[in-house]
């Protein structure tokens, strides 16, 4: 993914107001390390720990899309190994969190949301590209399609938010 500048990120949100995107904080350093290897960039707002963001697409291709997510309160974040709906692993050090995105438009303003379990560190792209262990490989020699499947799941999630 080509990591866009902050102004392009703020313009690309499909489910957040201009005032909320103006108050969004980016993680430091920006862009994140290894960003070119990622299918999406996700982060928890350092100044608002109950808000997170997911950016996907390419700024150069004008298909950049950003989604605002809500995280559970600190008291509701029990550390457990829940499978991530995007990378379909439970390998995240702090597990996966149920992140909820308001739908775009009138449906979102009336409270309609879409939720997914997502790795708490947003490391799904790196997990989908790690080499498979011997016992995880296909005995028939089928190709590893985890990267394409991750992209499809991210696109499907964004489409559901878009409504």
C-alpha atoms as a PDB file:
ATOM      1  CA  UNK A   1       0.000   0.000   0.000  1.00  0.00           C
ATOM      2  CA  UNK A   2       1.232   3.480  -0.820  1.00  0.00           C
ATOM      3  CA  UNK A   3       0.910   5.364   2.450  1.00  0.00           C
ATOM      4  CA  UNK A   4      -0.778   8.723   1.813  1.00  0.00           C
ATOM      5  CA  UNK A   5      -0.141  12.007   3.500  1.00  0.00           C
ATOM      6  CA  UNK A   6      -2.385  13.009   6.443  1.00  0.00           C
ATOM      7  CA  UNK A   7      -4.500  15.403   4.360  1.00  0.00           C
ATOM      8  CA  UNK A   8      -5.377  12.641   1.868  1.00  0.00           C
ATOM      9  CA  UNK A   9      -6.252  10.319   4.743  1.00  0.00           C
ATOM     10  CA  UNK A  10      -8.645  12.837   6.265  1.00  0.00           C
ATOM     11  CA  UNK A  11     -10.438  13.310   2.914  1.00  0.00           C
ATOM     12  CA  UNK A  12     -10.839   9.546   2.358  1.00  0.00           C
ATOM     13  CA  UNK A  13     -13.061   8.708   5.353  1.00  0.00           C
ATOM     14  CA  UNK A  14     -16.414   7.232   4.398  1.00  0.00           C
ATOM     15  CA  UNK A  15     -18.041   7.013   7.838  1.00  0.00           C
ATOM     16  CA  UNK A  16     -16.787   9.964   9.857  1.00  0.00           C
ATOM     17  CA  UNK A  17     -17.442  13.668  10.025  1.00  0.00           C
ATOM     18  CA  UNK A  18     -14.916  16.305   9.041  1.00  0.00           C
ATOM     19  CA  UNK A  19     -14.608  17.483  12.629  1.00  0.00           C
ATOM     20  CA  UNK A  20     -13.790  13.957  13.862  1.00  0.00           C
ATOM     21  CA  UNK A  21     -11.228  13.385  11.122  1.00  0.00           C
ATOM     22  CA  UNK A  22      -9.674  16.774  11.883  1.00  0.00           C
ATOM     23  CA  UNK A  23      -9.117  15.632  15.481  1.00  0.00           C
ATOM     24  CA  UNK A  24      -7.615  12.297  14.394  1.00  0.00           C
ATOM     25  CA  UNK A  25      -4.070  11.625  15.603  1.00  0.00           C
ATOM     26  CA  UNK A  26      -1.598   9.653  13.528  1.00  0.00           C
ATOM     27  CA  UNK A  27       0.823   7.226  15.113  1.00  0.00           C
ATOM     28  CA  UNK A  28       4.472   8.158  15.269  1.00  0.00           C
ATOM     29  CA  UNK A  29       6.404   7.545  13.165  1.00  0.00           C
ATOM     30  CA  UNK A  30       4.253   8.211  10.121  1.00  0.00           C
ATOM     31  CA  UNK A  31       4.278   6.355   7.784  1.00  0.00           C
ATOM     32  CA  UNK A  32       4.483   3.171   9.823  1.00  0.00           C
ATOM     33  CA  UNK A  33       7.450   0.838   9.316  1.00  0.00           C
ATOM     34  CA  UNK A  34       7.068  -1.665   6.463  1.00  0.00           C
ATOM     35  CA  UNK A  35       3.975   0.200   5.210  1.00  0.00           C
ATOM     36  CA  UNK A  36       4.730  -0.702   1.597  1.00  0.00           C
ATOM     37  CA  UNK A  37       4.274  -4.400   2.498  1.00  0.00           C
ATOM     38  CA  UNK A  38       0.800  -3.902   3.975  1.00  0.00           C
ATOM     39  CA  UNK A  39      -2.629  -4.376   2.421  1.00  0.00           C
ATOM     40  CA  UNK A  40      -4.055  -1.844   4.839  1.00  0.00           C
ATOM     41  CA  UNK A  41      -2.792   0.463   7.553  1.00  0.00           C
ATOM     42  CA  UNK A  42      -4.562   0.429  10.878  1.00  0.00           C
ATOM     43  CA  UNK A  43      -3.891   2.195  14.155  1.00  0.00           C
ATOM     44  CA  UNK A  44      -5.454   3.131  17.462  1.00  0.00           C
ATOM     45  CA  UNK A  45      -5.641   6.875  18.007  1.00  0.00           C
ATOM     46  CA  UNK A  46      -2.927   7.742  20.555  1.00  0.00           C
ATOM     47  CA  UNK A  47      -5.027  10.595  21.973  1.00  0.00           C
ATOM     48  CA  UNK A  48      -8.418   8.814  21.860  1.00  0.00           C
ATOM     49  CA  UNK A  49      -7.821   5.145  22.782  1.00  0.00           C
ATOM     50  CA  UNK A  50     -11.405   4.100  22.022  1.00  0.00           C
ATOM     51  CA  UNK A  51     -11.063   5.143  18.366  1.00  0.00           C
ATOM     52  CA  UNK A  52      -9.139   3.315  15.689  1.00  0.00           C
ATOM     53  CA  UNK A  53      -8.742   3.779  11.953  1.00  0.00           C
ATOM     54  CA  UNK A  54      -8.256   1.522   8.960  1.00  0.00           C
ATOM     55  CA  UNK A  55      -6.970   2.830   5.617  1.00  0.00           C
ATOM     56  CA  UNK A  56      -6.891   0.718   2.475  1.00  0.00           C
ATOM     57  CA  UNK A  57      -6.300   1.302  -1.207  1.00  0.00           C
ATOM     58  CA  UNK A  58      -3.812   3.480  -2.972  1.00  0.00           C
ATOM     59  CA  UNK A  59      -3.532   7.232  -2.759  1.00  0.00           C
ATOM     60  CA  UNK A  60      -1.971   7.225  -6.215  1.00  0.00           C
ATOM     61  CA  UNK A  61      -4.899   5.259  -7.674  1.00  0.00           C
ATOM     62  CA  UNK A  62      -7.546   7.490  -6.055  1.00  0.00           C
ATOM     63  CA  UNK A  63      -9.172   4.463  -4.418  1.00  0.00           C
ATOM     64  CA  UNK A  64      -7.970   5.299  -0.911  1.00  0.00           C
ATOM     65  CA  UNK A  65     -10.688   4.505   1.620  1.00  0.00           C
ATOM     66  CA  UNK A  66     -10.549   5.110   5.365  1.00  0.00           C
ATOM     67  CA  UNK A  67     -12.893   3.793   8.024  1.00  0.00           C
ATOM     68  CA  UNK A  68     -13.268   4.963  11.607  1.00  0.00           C
ATOM     69  CA  UNK A  69     -13.642   2.161  14.138  1.00  0.00           C
ATOM     70  CA  UNK A  70     -14.796   2.109  17.740  1.00  0.00           C
ATOM     71  CA  UNK A  71     -13.068  -0.121  20.258  1.00  0.00           C
ATOM     72  CA  UNK A  72     -14.524  -1.686  23.386  1.00  0.00           C
ATOM     73  CA  UNK A  73     -13.946   0.085  26.677  1.00  0.00           C
ATOM     74  CA  UNK A  74     -10.869  -0.897  28.663  1.00  0.00           C
ATOM     75  CA  UNK A  75     -13.009  -2.835  31.144  1.00  0.00           C
ATOM     76  CA  UNK A  76     -14.540  -4.895  28.301  1.00  0.00           C
ATOM     77  CA  UNK A  77     -11.154  -5.820  26.800  1.00  0.00           C
ATOM     78  CA  UNK A  78     -10.560  -9.221  28.315  1.00  0.00           C
ATOM     79  CA  UNK A  79      -7.296 -10.677  27.062  1.00  0.00           C
ATOM     80  CA  UNK A  80      -8.265 -13.760  25.114  1.00  0.00           C
ATOM     81  CA  UNK A  81      -7.117 -15.411  21.957  1.00  0.00           C
ATOM     82  CA  UNK A  82      -9.973 -14.711  19.570  1.00  0.00           C
ATOM     83  CA  UNK A  83      -9.495 -15.371  15.879  1.00  0.00           C
ATOM     84  CA  UNK A  84      -9.148 -12.278  13.713  1.00  0.00           C
ATOM     85  CA  UNK A  85     -11.804 -12.077  11.006  1.00  0.00           C
ATOM     86  CA  UNK A  86      -9.356 -10.523   8.537  1.00  0.00           C
ATOM     87  CA  UNK A  87      -6.186 -12.648   8.728  1.00  0.00           C
ATOM     88  CA  UNK A  88      -7.966 -15.626  10.294  1.00  0.00           C
ATOM     89  CA  UNK A  89      -5.258 -16.266  12.868  1.00  0.00           C
ATOM     90  CA  UNK A  90      -5.140 -15.924  16.623  1.00  0.00           C
ATOM     91  CA  UNK A  91      -1.454 -15.003  16.653  1.00  0.00           C
ATOM     92  CA  UNK A  92      -1.703 -11.370  17.782  1.00  0.00           C
ATOM     93  CA  UNK A  93       0.151 -10.886  21.076  1.00  0.00           C
ATOM     94  CA  UNK A  94      -2.827  -9.163  22.707  1.00  0.00           C
ATOM     95  CA  UNK A  95      -5.483 -11.089  20.784  1.00  0.00           C
ATOM     96  CA  UNK A  96      -8.219  -9.652  18.629  1.00  0.00           C
ATOM     97  CA  UNK A  97     -10.716  -6.965  19.568  1.00  0.00           C
ATOM     98  CA  UNK A  98     -14.262  -6.486  18.380  1.00  0.00           C
ATOM     99  CA  UNK A  99     -14.044  -3.232  16.430  1.00  0.00           C
ATOM    100  CA  UNK A 100     -17.253  -1.594  15.314  1.00  0.00           C
ATOM    101  CA  UNK A 101     -17.587   0.811  12.392  1.00  0.00           C
ATOM    102  CA  UNK A 102     -20.595   3.059  11.924  1.00  0.00           C
ATOM    103  CA  UNK A 103     -22.043   2.652   8.437  1.00  0.00           C
ATOM    104  CA  UNK A 104     -21.672   5.575   6.094  1.00  0.00           C
ATOM    105  CA  UNK A 105     -24.483   7.993   5.398  1.00  0.00           C
ATOM    106  CA  UNK A 106     -27.883   8.145   7.039  1.00  0.00           C
ATOM    107  CA  UNK A 107     -27.732   4.561   8.263  1.00  0.00           C
ATOM    108  CA  UNK A 108     -24.609   5.293  10.282  1.00  0.00           C
ATOM    109  CA  UNK A 109     -26.030   8.511  11.696  1.00  0.00           C
ATOM    110  CA  UNK A 110     -29.028   6.515  12.939  1.00  0.00           C
ATOM    111  CA  UNK A 111     -26.738   4.059  14.733  1.00  0.00           C
ATOM    112  CA  UNK A 112     -26.315   1.175  12.262  1.00  0.00           C
ATOM    113  CA  UNK A 113     -22.882  -0.433  12.637  1.00  0.00           C
ATOM    114  CA  UNK A 114     -20.726  -3.248  11.258  1.00  0.00           C
ATOM    115  CA  UNK A 115     -18.333  -5.150  13.505  1.00  0.00           C
ATOM    116  CA  UNK A 116     -15.334  -7.454  13.081  1.00  0.00           C
ATOM    117  CA  UNK A 117     -12.729  -9.035  15.293  1.00  0.00           C
ATOM    118  CA  UNK A 118      -9.422  -7.482  14.198  1.00  0.00           C
ATOM    119  CA  UNK A 119      -5.913  -8.081  15.554  1.00  0.00           C
ATOM    120  CA  UNK A 120      -5.294  -5.497  18.262  1.00  0.00           C
ATOM    121  CA  UNK A 121      -1.956  -4.554  16.678  1.00  0.00           C
ATOM    122  CA  UNK A 122      -3.328  -4.419  13.089  1.00  0.00           C
ATOM    123  CA  UNK A 123      -0.541  -6.787  11.982  1.00  0.00           C
ATOM    124  CA  UNK A 124      -2.818  -8.878   9.758  1.00  0.00           C
ATOM    125  CA  UNK A 125      -0.896  -8.173   6.525  1.00  0.00           C
ATOM    126  CA  UNK A 126       2.380  -9.342   8.011  1.00  0.00           C
ATOM    127  CA  UNK A 127       0.776 -12.468   9.496  1.00  0.00           C
ATOM    128  CA  UNK A 128      -0.808 -13.365   6.150  1.00  0.00           C
ATOM    129  CA  UNK A 129       2.618 -13.195   4.507  1.00  0.00           C
ATOM    130  CA  UNK A 130       4.692 -15.095   7.024  1.00  0.00           C
ATOM    131  CA  UNK A 131       5.987 -18.388   5.672  1.00  0.00           C
ATOM    132  CA  UNK A 132       3.788 -21.357   6.447  1.00  0.00           C
ATOM    133  CA  UNK A 133       5.075 -23.932   8.898  1.00  0.00           C
ATOM    134  CA  UNK A 134       5.520 -27.450   7.611  1.00  0.00           C
ATOM    135  CA  UNK A 135       2.301 -28.733   9.182  1.00  0.00           C
ATOM    136  CA  UNK A 136       0.315 -25.816   7.691  1.00  0.00           C
ATOM    137  CA  UNK A 137       1.300 -26.464   4.083  1.00  0.00           C
ATOM    138  CA  UNK A 138      -1.087 -28.125   1.676  1.00  0.00           C
ATOM    139  CA  UNK A 139      -0.276 -31.751   0.950  1.00  0.00           C
ATOM    140  CA  UNK A 140      -1.668 -31.317  -2.557  1.00  0.00           C
ATOM    141  CA  UNK A 141       0.672 -28.416  -3.332  1.00  0.00           C
ATOM    142  CA  UNK A 142      -2.118 -25.835  -3.545  1.00  0.00           C
ATOM    143  CA  UNK A 143      -0.768 -22.272  -3.662  1.00  0.00           C
ATOM    144  CA  UNK A 144      -0.839 -20.070  -0.580  1.00  0.00           C
ATOM    145  CA  UNK A 145      -3.701 -17.612  -1.094  1.00  0.00           C
ATOM    146  CA  UNK A 146      -3.752 -15.957   2.332  1.00  0.00           C
ATOM    147  CA  UNK A 147      -2.688 -12.556   0.958  1.00  0.00           C
ATOM    148  CA  UNK A 148      -5.432 -12.433  -1.672  1.00  0.00           C
ATOM    149  CA  UNK A 149      -8.010 -13.699   0.820  1.00  0.00           C
ATOM    150  CA  UNK A 150      -7.026 -10.966   3.287  1.00  0.00           C
ATOM    151  CA  UNK A 151      -7.453  -8.274   0.621  1.00  0.00           C
ATOM    152  CA  UNK A 152     -10.880  -9.682  -0.294  1.00  0.00           C
ATOM    153  CA  UNK A 153     -12.012  -9.681   3.359  1.00  0.00           C
ATOM    154  CA  UNK A 154     -10.831  -6.087   3.870  1.00  0.00           C
ATOM    155  CA  UNK A 155     -12.644  -4.986   0.685  1.00  0.00           C
ATOM    156  CA  UNK A 156     -15.811  -6.819   1.780  1.00  0.00           C
ATOM    157  CA  UNK A 157     -15.683  -5.102   5.176  1.00  0.00           C
ATOM    158  CA  UNK A 158     -15.273  -1.668   3.582  1.00  0.00           C
ATOM    159  CA  UNK A 159     -18.173  -2.452   1.207  1.00  0.00           C
ATOM    160  CA  UNK A 160     -20.370  -3.368   4.190  1.00  0.00           C
ATOM    161  CA  UNK A 161     -19.482  -0.091   5.920  1.00  0.00           C
ATOM    162  CA  UNK A 162     -20.205   1.796   2.711  1.00  0.00           C
ATOM    163  CA  UNK A 163     -23.577   0.043   2.691  1.00  0.00           C
END
